[in-house]
Amino acid sequence: MNTAHALLRPLLIVLALSAALAEAKAAAEPPAPAPDAAAAQPLRLPVNAKHVVVVDDATGNVLMARDAAAIVPIASLTKLMTAMVILDARQHPAERLRISDDDVDRLKHSKSFVRVGTELSRQDALELALVSSDNRAASALARAYPGGESAFVRALQAKVRALGLRNTSLQEPTGLSPQNTSTAIEVARITAAAARYPEIARITSSKRATVALSGRTRELHNTNRLVGAKGWNILLSKTGYTDEAGRCLAMRMMSGARAVTVVLLDADGSAHRLRDAALIRKSLSRTTS
């Protein structure tokens, strides 16, 4: 019996390595190259956002664009990349994390209802980061990454390279730093990559979620109020905001029978961001019909 196991062991190791390499390749595989945004139909709608792109997900064609190649801060849209890197590491979702003083935002002094000392699972930290855009949760996920936060940042930057994002630079997991920059067209590619992760799609397309913080249940509400709203079929969503980035939105949604990705960067306020999305949706429905 021991001899048989000894003979089988090298084969099992090879098979396991082959499976791991195949999975890593699938996770890192960049989406199909999108056409140049400059060649797209100019955006003639009276939208407020300064940088806009709308992409047909099936073909990769850019349907509408406005200054979509400008490199600008992307705020919490960063958390889509953070979530992909965390899931790529395949750490146990039930492992307990603790929010520490290191997770407190001393750059922008953003608020969080998650107190220092709170214990939560990695899964709940992921839900907090994506649904409520909680910065402490995103920071804790990066600290608990194999090798710590510095290793996480290296993995984040490696993911940027793997996705072929030549105009994207990410320095930390939350998006609070104005040095986390990208373009509307590359955020659309980030959104397409994130959509290949069923867990990210499920979490970000939910109107609400429930998490356990130090044993106490807390209900979260999606920062995108369009998720779950009547007439909207949103497949993936993430909002963002800092003073430098303005109000941002990356969203994959159904427009009739086709899926499209909408990216809005640097809108003047939440109301403008929602109005922009509604105008684009209405214009797409007219084009389809």
Protein backbone atom coordinates (compact mmCIF):
# COMPACT_ATOMS: atom_id res chain seq x y z
CA MET A 1 0.00 0.00 0.00
CA ASN A 2 2.87 2.39 0.92
CA THR A 3 4.63 1.50 -2.37
CA ALA A 4 1.50 2.29 -4.39
CA HIS A 5 1.14 5.63 -2.63
CA ALA A 6 4.80 6.41 -3.28
CA LEU A 7 4.34 5.68 -6.98
CA LEU A 8 1.16 7.74 -7.25
CA ARG A 9 2.42 10.74 -5.34
CA PRO A 10 4.54 12.28 -8.17
CA LEU A 11 1.62 11.89 -10.60
CA LEU A 12 -0.79 13.56 -8.18
CA ILE A 13 1.62 16.43 -7.68
CA VAL A 14 1.94 16.95 -11.43
CA LEU A 15 -1.84 16.87 -11.87
CA ALA A 16 -2.35 19.35 -9.03
CA LEU A 17 0.26 21.72 -10.45
CA SER A 18 -1.29 21.49 -13.92
CA ALA A 19 -4.74 22.30 -12.54
CA ALA A 20 -3.37 25.22 -10.54
CA LEU A 21 -1.55 26.64 -13.57
CA ALA A 22 -4.67 26.32 -15.74
CA GLU A 23 -6.77 28.10 -13.11
CA ALA A 24 -4.20 30.87 -12.70
CA LYS A 25 -4.07 31.36 -16.46
CA ALA A 26 -7.87 31.63 -16.65
CA ALA A 27 -7.95 34.18 -13.82
CA ALA A 28 -5.19 36.29 -15.36
CA GLU A 29 -6.39 36.10 -18.95
CA PRO A 30 -7.20 39.62 -20.11
CA PRO A 31 -10.50 40.42 -21.75
CA ALA A 32 -10.57 40.76 -25.52
CA PRO A 33 -8.89 44.01 -26.58
CA ALA A 34 -11.40 46.82 -26.81
CA PRO A 35 -11.40 49.10 -29.84
CA ASP A 36 -9.88 52.53 -29.45
CA ALA A 37 -12.36 54.74 -27.61
CA ALA A 38 -11.46 57.61 -29.92
CA ALA A 39 -12.99 55.68 -32.82
CA ALA A 40 -16.33 55.28 -31.04
CA GLN A 41 -19.46 57.30 -31.56
CA PRO A 42 -19.01 60.61 -29.69
CA LEU A 43 -21.21 60.90 -26.64
CA ARG A 44 -23.83 63.50 -27.49
CA LEU A 45 -25.96 63.02 -24.40
CA PRO A 46 -26.03 65.81 -21.80
CA VAL A 47 -24.23 63.73 -19.19
CA ASN A 48 -22.31 65.30 -16.34
CA ALA A 49 -19.41 62.85 -15.97
CA LYS A 50 -16.19 64.08 -17.57
CA HIS A 51 -15.01 60.64 -18.71
CA VAL A 52 -17.45 58.09 -20.08
CA VAL A 53 -17.38 54.85 -22.01
CA VAL A 54 -20.12 52.39 -22.95
CA VAL A 55 -19.04 48.99 -24.27
CA ASP A 56 -21.03 46.19 -25.89
CA ASP A 57 -19.86 43.19 -23.86
CA ALA A 58 -20.51 40.63 -26.58
CA THR A 59 -18.45 42.35 -29.27
CA GLY A 60 -16.15 44.62 -27.27
CA ASN A 61 -17.26 47.53 -29.45
CA VAL A 62 -17.27 50.96 -27.83
CA LEU A 63 -20.75 52.37 -28.33
CA MET A 64 -20.27 55.80 -26.74
CA ALA A 65 -17.25 57.62 -25.38
CA ARG A 66 -16.18 60.93 -23.93
CA ASP A 67 -12.53 61.57 -23.09
CA ALA A 68 -12.28 57.87 -22.25
CA ALA A 69 -8.49 57.65 -22.57
CA ALA A 70 -7.66 60.34 -19.99
CA ILE A 71 -5.74 59.00 -16.97
CA VAL A 72 -7.55 60.04 -13.80
CA PRO A 73 -8.08 58.84 -10.20
CA ILE A 74 -10.66 56.05 -9.90
CA ALA A 75 -11.32 56.01 -6.13
CA SER A 76 -13.12 52.89 -4.87
CA LEU A 77 -13.46 51.34 -8.33
CA THR A 78 -10.05 50.06 -7.23
CA LYS A 79 -11.89 47.57 -5.01
CA LEU A 80 -12.90 45.50 -8.04
CA MET A 81 -9.20 44.83 -8.59
CA THR A 82 -8.68 44.26 -4.87
CA ALA A 83 -11.44 41.65 -4.85
CA MET A 84 -9.95 39.81 -7.83
CA VAL A 85 -6.51 39.65 -6.19
CA ILE A 86 -8.01 38.42 -2.91
CA LEU A 87 -10.02 35.70 -4.66
CA ASP A 88 -7.02 34.68 -6.77
CA ALA A 89 -5.16 33.88 -3.51
CA ARG A 90 -7.82 31.28 -2.65
CA GLN A 91 -7.63 31.88 1.11
CA HIS A 92 -10.38 30.37 3.22
CA PRO A 93 -13.45 32.66 3.20
CA ALA A 94 -14.34 31.73 6.80
CA GLU A 95 -10.94 32.69 8.23
CA ARG A 96 -11.33 35.35 10.92
CA LEU A 97 -9.85 38.81 10.42
CA ARG A 98 -9.61 41.64 12.93
CA ILE A 99 -9.91 45.32 12.07
CA SER A 100 -6.86 47.07 13.47
CA ASP A 101 -5.73 50.65 13.92
CA ASP A 102 -3.68 50.20 10.75
CA ASP A 103 -6.96 50.00 8.80
CA VAL A 104 -8.16 53.45 9.87
CA ASP A 105 -8.14 55.98 7.02
CA ARG A 106 -5.75 58.77 7.98
CA LEU A 107 -5.48 60.09 4.43
CA LYS A 108 -9.07 61.14 3.74
CA HIS A 109 -10.53 60.47 7.21
CA SER A 110 -13.42 58.55 5.65
CA LYS A 111 -16.04 57.20 8.02
CA SER A 112 -16.70 53.54 8.80
CA PHE A 113 -19.17 51.83 11.12
CA VAL A 114 -16.70 48.95 11.48
CA ARG A 115 -14.85 49.69 14.69
CA VAL A 116 -11.22 48.89 15.44
CA GLY A 117 -11.13 45.49 17.12
CA THR A 118 -14.11 44.13 15.16
CA GLU A 119 -13.76 40.48 14.17
CA LEU A 120 -15.25 39.23 10.92
CA SER A 121 -14.74 36.54 8.33
CA ARG A 122 -12.80 37.14 5.14
CA GLN A 123 -16.08 36.62 3.24
CA ASP A 124 -17.83 39.32 5.24
CA ALA A 125 -14.88 41.68 4.76
CA LEU A 126 -15.21 41.12 1.00
CA GLU A 127 -18.95 41.88 1.15
CA LEU A 128 -18.26 45.07 3.13
CA ALA A 129 -15.62 46.21 0.66
CA LEU A 130 -17.80 45.63 -2.39
CA VAL A 131 -21.34 46.40 -1.19
CA SER A 132 -20.68 49.24 1.28
CA SER A 133 -17.28 50.19 -0.17
CA ASP A 134 -15.84 50.02 3.35
CA ASN A 135 -12.19 51.07 3.36
CA ARG A 136 -11.29 49.38 6.64
CA ALA A 137 -12.53 46.06 5.31
CA ALA A 138 -10.51 46.44 2.10
CA SER A 139 -7.42 47.34 4.13
CA ALA A 140 -7.87 44.33 6.42
CA LEU A 141 -8.16 42.02 3.39
CA ALA A 142 -4.85 43.36 2.06
CA ARG A 143 -3.12 43.01 5.45
CA ALA A 144 -4.28 39.37 5.70
CA TYR A 145 -2.99 38.55 2.21
CA PRO A 146 -0.19 35.92 2.16
CA GLY A 147 2.97 37.92 2.87
CA GLY A 148 1.10 40.96 4.15
CA GLU A 149 0.08 44.24 2.53
CA SER A 150 3.34 44.73 0.63
CA ALA A 151 2.84 41.33 -1.02
CA PHE A 152 -0.75 42.28 -1.78
CA VAL A 153 0.35 45.48 -3.54
CA ARG A 154 2.83 43.50 -5.63
CA ALA A 155 0.06 41.07 -6.56
CA LEU A 156 -2.26 43.98 -7.38
CA GLN A 157 0.31 45.48 -9.73
CA ALA A 158 0.96 42.06 -11.27
CA LYS A 159 -2.77 41.75 -11.93
CA VAL A 160 -2.73 45.13 -13.68
CA ARG A 161 0.04 43.85 -15.96
CA ALA A 162 -1.69 40.49 -16.52
CA LEU A 163 -4.82 42.29 -17.73
CA GLY A 164 -2.76 44.39 -20.12
CA LEU A 165 -3.75 47.68 -18.47
CA ARG A 166 -1.00 49.98 -19.69
CA ASN A 167 -2.60 53.18 -18.39
CA THR A 168 -3.61 51.90 -14.95
CA SER A 169 -1.54 52.39 -11.79
CA LEU A 170 -2.70 51.07 -8.41
CA GLN A 171 -0.76 51.64 -5.20
CA GLU A 172 -3.10 50.47 -2.44
CA PRO A 173 -6.32 48.45 -1.96
CA THR A 174 -8.98 51.06 -1.11
CA GLY A 175 -8.81 53.74 -3.81
CA LEU A 176 -8.33 56.50 -1.24
CA SER A 177 -4.99 57.43 -2.81
CA PRO A 178 -5.20 59.79 -5.81
CA GLN A 179 -2.28 57.76 -7.19
CA ASN A 180 -4.71 54.95 -8.00
CA THR A 181 -5.41 55.97 -11.57
CA SER A 182 -6.81 54.54 -14.78
CA THR A 183 -8.90 55.48 -17.81
CA ALA A 184 -12.58 54.93 -18.51
CA ILE A 185 -11.74 52.43 -21.24
CA GLU A 186 -9.42 50.44 -18.95
CA VAL A 187 -11.93 50.52 -16.10
CA ALA A 188 -14.33 48.90 -18.57
CA ARG A 189 -11.75 46.15 -19.05
CA ILE A 190 -11.37 45.81 -15.27
CA THR A 191 -15.15 45.45 -15.04
CA ALA A 192 -15.14 42.77 -17.74
CA ALA A 193 -12.41 40.87 -15.87
CA ALA A 194 -14.27 41.15 -12.56
CA ALA A 195 -17.42 39.79 -14.21
CA ARG A 196 -15.60 36.50 -14.78
CA TYR A 197 -15.56 36.01 -11.00
CA PRO A 198 -19.04 34.72 -10.05
CA GLU A 199 -18.56 35.85 -6.44
CA ILE A 200 -17.85 39.45 -7.40
CA ALA A 201 -20.82 39.51 -9.79
CA ARG A 202 -23.11 38.03 -7.12
CA ILE A 203 -22.03 40.39 -4.35
CA THR A 204 -22.05 43.61 -6.37
CA SER A 205 -25.38 42.92 -8.08
CA SER A 206 -27.17 42.42 -4.74
CA LYS A 207 -29.25 45.27 -3.36
CA ARG A 208 -28.36 44.32 0.20
CA ALA A 209 -26.25 41.85 2.16
CA THR A 210 -25.95 40.65 5.74
CA VAL A 211 -22.64 40.34 7.59
CA ALA A 212 -21.63 39.33 11.12
CA LEU A 213 -19.38 41.83 12.90
CA SER A 214 -18.03 40.45 16.19
CA GLY A 215 -21.06 38.17 16.29
CA ARG A 216 -23.61 40.93 15.64
CA THR A 217 -25.59 40.93 12.40
CA ARG A 218 -25.47 44.04 10.23
CA GLU A 219 -27.39 44.72 7.02
CA LEU A 220 -25.52 46.41 4.19
CA HIS A 221 -27.02 48.41 1.33
CA ASN A 222 -25.43 48.68 -2.10
CA THR A 223 -23.83 52.07 -2.69
CA ASN A 224 -25.37 52.04 -6.20
CA ARG A 225 -29.04 52.82 -5.69
CA LEU A 226 -29.86 51.54 -9.18
CA VAL A 227 -29.11 47.95 -8.10
CA GLY A 228 -32.45 46.27 -7.53
CA ALA A 229 -34.40 49.28 -8.79
CA LYS A 230 -37.40 48.72 -11.00
CA GLY A 231 -36.50 48.31 -14.66
CA TRP A 232 -32.77 47.85 -14.03
CA ASN A 233 -31.04 44.52 -14.56
CA ILE A 234 -27.55 45.11 -13.18
CA LEU A 235 -25.06 42.25 -13.41
CA LEU A 236 -22.12 43.91 -11.64
CA SER A 237 -21.62 47.30 -10.03
CA LYS A 238 -19.13 49.43 -8.11
CA THR A 239 -19.20 53.07 -7.12
CA GLY A 240 -16.38 55.33 -6.02
CA TYR A 241 -15.73 58.78 -4.63
CA THR A 242 -12.88 60.99 -3.53
CA ASP A 243 -12.41 64.74 -3.99
CA GLU A 244 -9.87 64.09 -6.73
CA ALA A 245 -11.88 61.39 -8.55
CA GLY A 246 -15.37 62.86 -8.21
CA ARG A 247 -18.31 60.45 -8.32
CA CYS A 248 -17.50 57.31 -10.28
CA LEU A 249 -19.45 54.26 -11.42
CA ALA A 250 -18.51 51.03 -13.18
CA MET A 251 -21.52 48.90 -14.05
CA ARG A 252 -22.39 45.93 -16.24
CA MET A 253 -26.09 45.80 -17.07
CA MET A 254 -28.59 44.38 -19.51
CA SER A 255 -29.94 46.68 -22.20
CA GLY A 256 -32.68 44.71 -23.87
CA ALA A 257 -31.10 41.39 -24.85
CA ARG A 258 -27.50 42.60 -24.75
CA ALA A 259 -25.09 43.17 -21.88
CA VAL A 260 -23.23 46.48 -21.80
CA THR A 261 -20.63 48.01 -19.53
CA VAL A 262 -21.01 51.64 -18.49
CA VAL A 263 -18.18 53.58 -16.87
CA LEU A 264 -18.65 57.10 -15.53
CA LEU A 265 -15.68 58.96 -14.02
CA ASP A 266 -15.66 62.34 -12.28
CA ALA A 267 -19.32 63.26 -12.06
CA ASP A 268 -20.15 66.22 -9.83
CA GLY A 269 -22.43 64.34 -7.43
CA SER A 270 -24.39 61.16 -6.77
CA ALA A 271 -27.54 62.58 -8.34
CA HIS A 272 -25.64 63.47 -11.53
CA ARG A 273 -24.10 60.01 -11.62
CA LEU A 274 -27.51 58.33 -11.42
CA ARG A 275 -28.98 60.71 -13.99
CA ASP A 276 -26.10 60.01 -16.38
CA ALA A 277 -26.68 56.27 -16.09
CA ALA A 278 -30.40 56.72 -16.74
CA LEU A 279 -29.75 58.88 -19.82
CA ILE A 280 -27.35 56.31 -21.26
CA ARG A 281 -29.79 53.47 -20.57
CA LYS A 282 -32.59 55.38 -22.30
CA SER A 283 -30.40 56.15 -25.31
CA LEU A 284 -29.34 52.50 -25.59
CA SER A 285 -32.94 51.31 -25.47
CA ARG A 286 -33.82 53.66 -28.33
CA THR A 287 -30.88 52.39 -30.37
CA THR A 288 -31.88 48.77 -29.75
CA SER A 289 -35.50 49.35 -30.67
